[in-house]
PDB file of all heavy atoms in Angstrom:
ATOM      1  N   GLY A   1     -29.362 -27.187   0.800  1.00  0.00           N
ATOM      2  CA  GLY A   1     -28.684 -27.823  -0.355  1.00  0.00           C
ATOM      3  C   GLY A   1     -29.085 -27.323  -1.681  1.00  0.00           C
ATOM      4  O   GLY A   1     -28.787 -27.858  -2.703  1.00  0.00           O
ATOM      5  N   SER A   2     -29.834 -26.170  -1.755  1.00  0.00           N
ATOM      6  CA  SER A   2     -30.305 -25.634  -3.013  1.00  0.00           C
ATOM      7  C   SER A   2     -29.297 -24.868  -3.820  1.00  0.00           C
ATOM      8  O   SER A   2     -29.411 -24.774  -5.010  1.00  0.00           O
ATOM      9  CB  SER A   2     -31.570 -24.794  -2.754  1.00  0.00           C
ATOM     10  OG  SER A   2     -31.243 -23.692  -1.943  1.00  0.00           O
ATOM     11  N   ALA A   3     -28.332 -24.330  -3.143  1.00  0.00           N
ATOM     12  CA  ALA A   3     -27.374 -23.432  -3.856  1.00  0.00           C
ATOM     13  C   ALA A   3     -26.239 -24.295  -4.427  1.00  0.00           C
ATOM     14  O   ALA A   3     -25.690 -25.124  -3.754  1.00  0.00           O
ATOM     15  CB  ALA A   3     -26.807 -22.400  -2.916  1.00  0.00           C
ATOM     16  N   ALA A   4     -25.913 -23.983  -5.690  1.00  0.00           N
ATOM     17  CA  ALA A   4     -24.749 -24.734  -6.324  1.00  0.00           C
ATOM     18  C   ALA A   4     -23.452 -24.294  -5.652  1.00  0.00           C
ATOM     19  O   ALA A   4     -22.612 -25.177  -5.420  1.00  0.00           O
ATOM     20  CB  ALA A   4     -24.710 -24.429  -7.808  1.00  0.00           C
ATOM     21  N   LYS A   5     -23.333 -23.056  -5.332  1.00  0.00           N
ATOM     22  CA  LYS A   5     -22.177 -22.561  -4.614  1.00  0.00           C
ATOM     23  C   LYS A   5     -22.646 -22.011  -3.248  1.00  0.00           C
ATOM     24  O   LYS A   5     -23.712 -21.377  -3.198  1.00  0.00           O
ATOM     25  CB  LYS A   5     -21.504 -21.394  -5.344  1.00  0.00           C
ATOM     26  CG  LYS A   5     -20.713 -21.796  -6.583  1.00  0.00           C
ATOM     27  CD  LYS A   5     -20.042 -20.524  -7.125  1.00  0.00           C
ATOM     28  CE  LYS A   5     -19.192 -20.816  -8.306  1.00  0.00           C
ATOM     29  NZ  LYS A   5     -18.509 -19.609  -8.757  1.00  0.00           N
ATOM     30  N   LEU A   6     -21.856 -22.248  -2.248  1.00  0.00           N
ATOM     31  CA  LEU A   6     -22.201 -21.735  -0.900  1.00  0.00           C
ATOM     32  C   LEU A   6     -21.610 -20.317  -0.673  1.00  0.00           C
ATOM     33  O   LEU A   6     -22.111 -19.616   0.142  1.00  0.00           O
ATOM     34  CB  LEU A   6     -21.656 -22.660   0.173  1.00  0.00           C
ATOM     35  CG  LEU A   6     -22.306 -24.031   0.208  1.00  0.00           C
ATOM     36  CD1 LEU A   6     -21.640 -24.884   1.318  1.00  0.00           C
ATOM     37  CD2 LEU A   6     -23.820 -23.946   0.448  1.00  0.00           C
ATOM     38  N   GLY A   7     -20.605 -19.965  -1.459  1.00  0.00           N
ATOM     39  CA  GLY A   7     -19.979 -18.661  -1.328  1.00  0.00           C
ATOM     40  C   GLY A   7     -20.922 -17.543  -1.746  1.00  0.00           C
ATOM     41  O   GLY A   7     -21.682 -17.683  -2.697  1.00  0.00           O
ATOM     42  N   GLY A   8     -20.841 -16.447  -1.056  1.00  0.00           N
ATOM     43  CA  GLY A   8     -21.679 -15.292  -1.370  1.00  0.00           C
ATOM     44  C   GLY A   8     -20.825 -14.090  -1.658  1.00  0.00           C
ATOM     45  O   GLY A   8     -19.731 -14.194  -2.238  1.00  0.00           O
ATOM     46  N   ALA A   9     -21.253 -12.940  -1.205  1.00  0.00           N
ATOM     47  CA  ALA A   9     -20.536 -11.677  -1.469  1.00  0.00           C
ATOM     48  C   ALA A   9     -19.538 -11.458  -0.372  1.00  0.00           C
ATOM     49  O   ALA A   9     -19.579 -10.468   0.341  1.00  0.00           O
ATOM     50  CB  ALA A   9     -21.524 -10.511  -1.548  1.00  0.00           C
ATOM     51  N   ALA A  10     -18.623 -12.407  -0.218  1.00  0.00           N
ATOM     52  CA  ALA A  10     -17.531 -12.300   0.767  1.00  0.00           C
ATOM     53  C   ALA A  10     -16.333 -13.006   0.213  1.00  0.00           C
ATOM     54  O   ALA A  10     -16.443 -13.838  -0.722  1.00  0.00           O
ATOM     55  CB  ALA A  10     -17.988 -12.973   2.071  1.00  0.00           C
ATOM     56  N   GLU A  11     -15.163 -12.677   0.761  1.00  0.00           N
ATOM     57  CA  GLU A  11     -13.926 -13.286   0.210  1.00  0.00           C
ATOM     58  C   GLU A  11     -12.962 -13.446   1.383  1.00  0.00           C
ATOM     59  O   GLU A  11     -12.803 -12.465   2.171  1.00  0.00           O
ATOM     60  CB  GLU A  11     -13.325 -12.372  -0.859  1.00  0.00           C
ATOM     61  CG  GLU A  11     -12.043 -12.880  -1.449  1.00  0.00           C
ATOM     62  CD  GLU A  11     -11.563 -11.984  -2.600  1.00  0.00           C
ATOM     63  OE1 GLU A  11     -12.346 -11.205  -3.157  1.00  0.00           O
ATOM     64  OE2 GLU A  11     -10.357 -12.122  -2.938  1.00  0.00           O
ATOM     65  N   LEU A  12     -12.263 -14.534   1.481  1.00  0.00           N
ATOM     66  CA  LEU A  12     -11.188 -14.722   2.423  1.00  0.00           C
ATOM     67  C   LEU A  12      -9.885 -14.352   1.707  1.00  0.00           C
ATOM     68  O   LEU A  12      -9.602 -14.887   0.643  1.00  0.00           O
ATOM     69  CB  LEU A  12     -11.093 -16.150   2.925  1.00  0.00           C
ATOM     70  CG  LEU A  12     -12.249 -16.673   3.749  1.00  0.00           C
ATOM     71  CD1 LEU A  12     -11.938 -18.114   4.165  1.00  0.00           C
ATOM     72  CD2 LEU A  12     -12.429 -15.826   5.010  1.00  0.00           C
ATOM     73  N   VAL A  13      -9.136 -13.448   2.283  1.00  0.00           N
ATOM     74  CA  VAL A  13      -7.915 -12.962   1.670  1.00  0.00           C
ATOM     75  C   VAL A  13      -6.742 -13.399   2.492  1.00  0.00           C
ATOM     76  O   VAL A  13      -6.620 -13.084   3.689  1.00  0.00           O
ATOM     77  CB  VAL A  13      -7.928 -11.435   1.548  1.00  0.00           C
ATOM     78  CG1 VAL A  13      -6.647 -10.939   0.895  1.00  0.00           C
ATOM     79  CG2 VAL A  13      -9.162 -10.953   0.756  1.00  0.00           C
ATOM     80  N   PHE A  14      -5.831 -14.180   1.889  1.00  0.00           N
ATOM     81  CA  PHE A  14      -4.618 -14.665   2.538  1.00  0.00           C
ATOM     82  C   PHE A  14      -3.472 -13.760   2.231  1.00  0.00           C
ATOM     83  O   PHE A  14      -3.137 -13.548   1.011  1.00  0.00           O
ATOM     84  CB  PHE A  14      -4.276 -16.081   2.106  1.00  0.00           C
ATOM     85  CG  PHE A  14      -5.307 -17.116   2.589  1.00  0.00           C
ATOM     86  CD1 PHE A  14      -6.376 -17.476   1.802  1.00  0.00           C
ATOM     87  CD2 PHE A  14      -5.077 -17.774   3.798  1.00  0.00           C
ATOM     88  CE1 PHE A  14      -7.314 -18.383   2.234  1.00  0.00           C
ATOM     89  CE2 PHE A  14      -5.991 -18.685   4.238  1.00  0.00           C
ATOM     90  CZ  PHE A  14      -7.138 -19.036   3.449  1.00  0.00           C
ATOM     91  N   ALA A  15      -2.817 -13.193   3.249  1.00  0.00           N
ATOM     92  CA  ALA A  15      -1.650 -12.363   3.028  1.00  0.00           C
ATOM     93  C   ALA A  15      -0.451 -13.208   2.678  1.00  0.00           C
ATOM     94  O   ALA A  15      -0.184 -14.223   3.325  1.00  0.00           O
ATOM     95  CB  ALA A  15      -1.340 -11.557   4.302  1.00  0.00           C
ATOM     96  N   VAL A  16       0.292 -12.824   1.615  1.00  0.00           N
ATOM     97  CA  VAL A  16       1.509 -13.520   1.231  1.00  0.00           C
ATOM     98  C   VAL A  16       2.570 -12.490   0.931  1.00  0.00           C
ATOM     99  O   VAL A  16       2.308 -11.355   0.683  1.00  0.00           O
ATOM    100  CB  VAL A  16       1.242 -14.393  -0.042  1.00  0.00           C
ATOM    101  CG1 VAL A  16       0.283 -15.524   0.291  1.00  0.00           C
ATOM    102  CG2 VAL A  16       0.792 -13.575  -1.202  1.00  0.00           C
ATOM    103  N   ASP A  17       3.834 -12.939   1.030  1.00  0.00           N
ATOM    104  CA  ASP A  17       4.986 -12.079   0.717  1.00  0.00           C
ATOM    105  C   ASP A  17       5.184 -11.879  -0.790  1.00  0.00           C
ATOM    106  O   ASP A  17       5.753 -10.866  -1.199  1.00  0.00           O
ATOM    107  CB  ASP A  17       6.243 -12.640   1.339  1.00  0.00           C
ATOM    108  CG  ASP A  17       6.200 -12.597   2.875  1.00  0.00           C
ATOM    109  OD1 ASP A  17       5.547 -11.728   3.427  1.00  0.00           O
ATOM    110  OD2 ASP A  17       6.844 -13.483   3.474  1.00  0.00           O
ATOM    111  N   ASP A  18       4.751 -12.846  -1.587  1.00  0.00           N
ATOM    112  CA  ASP A  18       5.004 -12.796  -3.029  1.00  0.00           C
ATOM    113  C   ASP A  18       3.821 -13.458  -3.720  1.00  0.00           C
ATOM    114  O   ASP A  18       3.694 -14.695  -3.704  1.00  0.00           O
ATOM    115  CB  ASP A  18       6.311 -13.506  -3.332  1.00  0.00           C
ATOM    116  CG  ASP A  18       6.723 -13.514  -4.810  1.00  0.00           C
ATOM    117  OD1 ASP A  18       5.812 -13.399  -5.640  1.00  0.00           O
ATOM    118  OD2 ASP A  18       7.883 -13.699  -5.080  1.00  0.00           O
ATOM    119  N   VAL A  19       2.976 -12.700  -4.344  1.00  0.00           N
ATOM    120  CA  VAL A  19       1.769 -13.185  -5.003  1.00  0.00           C
ATOM    121  C   VAL A  19       2.134 -14.193  -6.103  1.00  0.00           C
ATOM    122  O   VAL A  19       1.500 -15.265  -6.219  1.00  0.00           O
ATOM    123  CB  VAL A  19       0.895 -12.081  -5.519  1.00  0.00           C
ATOM    124  CG1 VAL A  19      -0.259 -12.603  -6.399  1.00  0.00           C
ATOM    125  CG2 VAL A  19       0.288 -11.297  -4.340  1.00  0.00           C
ATOM    126  N   ARG A  20       3.090 -13.878  -6.936  1.00  0.00           N
ATOM    127  CA  ARG A  20       3.445 -14.767  -8.037  1.00  0.00           C
ATOM    128  C   ARG A  20       3.945 -16.122  -7.537  1.00  0.00           C
ATOM    129  O   ARG A  20       3.542 -17.163  -8.009  1.00  0.00           O
ATOM    130  CB  ARG A  20       4.526 -14.097  -8.924  1.00  0.00           C
ATOM    131  CG  ARG A  20       5.055 -14.937 -10.051  1.00  0.00           C
ATOM    132  CD  ARG A  20       4.049 -15.344 -11.105  1.00  0.00           C
ATOM    133  NE  ARG A  20       3.468 -14.200 -11.778  1.00  0.00           N
ATOM    134  CZ  ARG A  20       2.517 -14.290 -12.729  1.00  0.00           C
ATOM    135  NH1 ARG A  20       2.079 -15.478 -13.048  1.00  0.00           N
ATOM    136  NH2 ARG A  20       2.068 -13.219 -13.278  1.00  0.00           N
ATOM    137  N   SER A  21       4.779 -16.096  -6.528  1.00  0.00           N
ATOM    138  CA  SER A  21       5.280 -17.387  -5.938  1.00  0.00           C
ATOM    139  C   SER A  21       4.132 -18.175  -5.330  1.00  0.00           C
ATOM    140  O   SER A  21       4.110 -19.401  -5.487  1.00  0.00           O
ATOM    141  CB  SER A  21       6.332 -17.120  -4.903  1.00  0.00           C
ATOM    142  OG  SER A  21       7.491 -16.551  -5.535  1.00  0.00           O
ATOM    143  N   ALA A  22       3.251 -17.507  -4.635  1.00  0.00           N
ATOM    144  CA  ALA A  22       2.101 -18.197  -4.013  1.00  0.00           C
ATOM    145  C   ALA A  22       1.208 -18.798  -5.118  1.00  0.00           C
ATOM    146  O   ALA A  22       0.758 -19.964  -5.007  1.00  0.00           O
ATOM    147  CB  ALA A  22       1.322 -17.257  -3.166  1.00  0.00           C
ATOM    148  N   TYR A  23       0.959 -18.025  -6.149  1.00  0.00           N
ATOM    149  CA  TYR A  23       0.166 -18.495  -7.296  1.00  0.00           C
ATOM    150  C   TYR A  23       0.806 -19.718  -7.919  1.00  0.00           C
ATOM    151  O   TYR A  23       0.095 -20.723  -8.165  1.00  0.00           O
ATOM    152  CB  TYR A  23       0.072 -17.344  -8.300  1.00  0.00           C
ATOM    153  CG  TYR A  23      -0.451 -17.742  -9.655  1.00  0.00           C
ATOM    154  CD1 TYR A  23      -1.825 -17.888  -9.850  1.00  0.00           C
ATOM    155  CD2 TYR A  23       0.410 -17.940 -10.718  1.00  0.00           C
ATOM    156  CE1 TYR A  23      -2.352 -18.178 -11.107  1.00  0.00           C
ATOM    157  CE2 TYR A  23      -0.090 -18.285 -11.959  1.00  0.00           C
ATOM    158  CZ  TYR A  23      -1.463 -18.429 -12.144  1.00  0.00           C
ATOM    159  OH  TYR A  23      -1.934 -18.738 -13.408  1.00  0.00           O
ATOM    160  N   GLU A  24       2.075 -19.746  -8.156  1.00  0.00           N
ATOM    161  CA  GLU A  24       2.755 -20.851  -8.745  1.00  0.00           C
ATOM    162  C   GLU A  24       2.739 -22.079  -7.850  1.00  0.00           C
ATOM    163  O   GLU A  24       2.514 -23.181  -8.310  1.00  0.00           O
ATOM    164  CB  GLU A  24       4.185 -20.464  -9.147  1.00  0.00           C
ATOM    165  CG  GLU A  24       4.206 -19.512 -10.299  1.00  0.00           C
ATOM    166  CD  GLU A  24       5.598 -18.874 -10.606  1.00  0.00           C
ATOM    167  OE1 GLU A  24       6.553 -19.183  -9.798  1.00  0.00           O
ATOM    168  OE2 GLU A  24       5.697 -18.049 -11.550  1.00  0.00           O
ATOM    169  N   ALA A  25       2.955 -21.884  -6.543  1.00  0.00           N
ATOM    170  CA  ALA A  25       2.987 -23.012  -5.601  1.00  0.00           C
ATOM    171  C   ALA A  25       1.602 -23.621  -5.482  1.00  0.00           C
ATOM    172  O   ALA A  25       1.431 -24.871  -5.474  1.00  0.00           O
ATOM    173  CB  ALA A  25       3.462 -22.559  -4.254  1.00  0.00           C
ATOM    174  N   LEU A  26       0.572 -22.787  -5.393  1.00  0.00           N
ATOM    175  CA  LEU A  26      -0.805 -23.329  -5.265  1.00  0.00           C
ATOM    176  C   LEU A  26      -1.299 -23.968  -6.587  1.00  0.00           C
ATOM    177  O   LEU A  26      -1.975 -24.963  -6.531  1.00  0.00           O
ATOM    178  CB  LEU A  26      -1.780 -22.225  -4.803  1.00  0.00           C
ATOM    179  CG  LEU A  26      -1.525 -21.744  -3.384  1.00  0.00           C
ATOM    180  CD1 LEU A  26      -2.379 -20.525  -3.059  1.00  0.00           C
ATOM    181  CD2 LEU A  26      -1.844 -22.859  -2.350  1.00  0.00           C
ATOM    182  N   SER A  27      -0.888 -23.382  -7.693  1.00  0.00           N
ATOM    183  CA  SER A  27      -1.206 -23.964  -9.004  1.00  0.00           C
ATOM    184  C   SER A  27      -0.608 -25.371  -9.077  1.00  0.00           C
ATOM    185  O   SER A  27      -1.263 -26.316  -9.611  1.00  0.00           O
ATOM    186  CB  SER A  27      -0.705 -23.082 -10.122  1.00  0.00           C
ATOM    187  OG  SER A  27      -1.420 -21.894 -10.183  1.00  0.00           O
ATOM    188  N   ALA A  28       0.596 -25.538  -8.607  1.00  0.00           N
ATOM    189  CA  ALA A  28       1.263 -26.820  -8.624  1.00  0.00           C
ATOM    190  C   ALA A  28       0.580 -27.878  -7.765  1.00  0.00           C
ATOM    191  O   ALA A  28       0.671 -29.104  -7.983  1.00  0.00           O
ATOM    192  CB  ALA A  28       2.758 -26.677  -8.172  1.00  0.00           C
ATOM    193  N   LYS A  29      -0.195 -27.407  -6.781  1.00  0.00           N
ATOM    194  CA  LYS A  29      -0.982 -28.267  -5.886  1.00  0.00           C
ATOM    195  C   LYS A  29      -2.335 -28.532  -6.472  1.00  0.00           C
ATOM    196  O   LYS A  29      -3.199 -29.149  -5.819  1.00  0.00           O
ATOM    197  CB  LYS A  29      -1.127 -27.650  -4.504  1.00  0.00           C
ATOM    198  CG  LYS A  29       0.150 -27.672  -3.697  1.00  0.00           C
ATOM    199  CD  LYS A  29      -0.096 -27.149  -2.339  1.00  0.00           C
ATOM    200  CE  LYS A  29       1.147 -27.351  -1.462  1.00  0.00           C
ATOM    201  NZ  LYS A  29       0.813 -27.168  -0.066  1.00  0.00           N
ATOM    202  N   GLY A  30      -2.627 -28.023  -7.677  1.00  0.00           N
ATOM    203  CA  GLY A  30      -3.923 -28.276  -8.340  1.00  0.00           C
ATOM    204  C   GLY A  30      -4.964 -27.204  -8.163  1.00  0.00           C
ATOM    205  O   GLY A  30      -6.066 -27.376  -8.627  1.00  0.00           O
ATOM    206  N   ILE A  31      -4.616 -26.073  -7.564  1.00  0.00           N
ATOM    207  CA  ILE A  31      -5.606 -25.019  -7.472  1.00  0.00           C
ATOM    208  C   ILE A  31      -5.808 -24.364  -8.836  1.00  0.00           C
ATOM    209  O   ILE A  31      -4.850 -24.081  -9.509  1.00  0.00           O
ATOM    210  CB  ILE A  31      -5.093 -23.914  -6.470  1.00  0.00           C
ATOM    211  CG1 ILE A  31      -4.891 -24.441  -5.084  1.00  0.00           C
ATOM    212  CG2 ILE A  31      -6.034 -22.695  -6.480  1.00  0.00           C
ATOM    213  CD1 ILE A  31      -6.129 -24.830  -4.366  1.00  0.00           C
ATOM    214  N   LYS A  32      -7.042 -24.251  -9.246  1.00  0.00           N
ATOM    215  CA  LYS A  32      -7.405 -23.601 -10.503  1.00  0.00           C
ATOM    216  C   LYS A  32      -7.779 -22.160 -10.191  1.00  0.00           C
ATOM    217  O   LYS A  32      -8.811 -21.938  -9.514  1.00  0.00           O
ATOM    218  CB  LYS A  32      -8.553 -24.305 -11.192  1.00  0.00           C
ATOM    219  CG  LYS A  32      -8.302 -25.811 -11.466  1.00  0.00           C
ATOM    220  CD  LYS A  32      -7.219 -25.999 -12.489  1.00  0.00           C
ATOM    221  CE  LYS A  32      -7.068 -27.493 -12.788  1.00  0.00           C
ATOM    222  NZ  LYS A  32      -5.736 -27.889 -13.051  1.00  0.00           N
ATOM    223  N   PHE A  33      -7.011 -21.199 -10.620  1.00  0.00           N
ATOM    224  CA  PHE A  33      -7.280 -19.832 -10.325  1.00  0.00           C
ATOM    225  C   PHE A  33      -8.288 -19.272 -11.308  1.00  0.00           C
ATOM    226  O   PHE A  33      -8.337 -19.563 -12.477  1.00  0.00           O
ATOM    227  CB  PHE A  33      -5.967 -19.007 -10.404  1.00  0.00           C
ATOM    228  CG  PHE A  33      -5.150 -19.107  -9.150  1.00  0.00           C
ATOM    229  CD1 PHE A  33      -4.357 -20.233  -8.946  1.00  0.00           C
ATOM    230  CD2 PHE A  33      -5.199 -18.125  -8.228  1.00  0.00           C
ATOM    231  CE1 PHE A  33      -3.603 -20.339  -7.779  1.00  0.00           C
ATOM    232  CE2 PHE A  33      -4.459 -18.276  -7.030  1.00  0.00           C
ATOM    233  CZ  PHE A  33      -3.686 -19.361  -6.815  1.00  0.00           C
ATOM    234  N   ILE A  34      -9.210 -18.429 -10.724  1.00  0.00           N
ATOM    235  CA  ILE A  34     -10.215 -17.748 -11.487  1.00  0.00           C
ATOM    236  C   ILE A  34      -9.576 -16.551 -12.170  1.00  0.00           C
ATOM    237  O   ILE A  34      -9.958 -16.164 -13.279  1.00  0.00           O
ATOM    238  CB  ILE A  34     -11.376 -17.246 -10.589  1.00  0.00           C
ATOM    239  CG1 ILE A  34     -12.032 -18.479  -9.958  1.00  0.00           C
ATOM    240  CG2 ILE A  34     -12.353 -16.392 -11.306  1.00  0.00           C
ATOM    241  CD1 ILE A  34     -12.905 -18.107  -8.786  1.00  0.00           C
TER     242      ILE A  34
END
């Protein structure tokens, strides 16, 4: 429980057909993009 973030030097990448549409749909669901 010592780490503020559990994520390390790894990334999960989700394949999508349209990045802009995925970005807009996830943003509408409350996802805050970095």
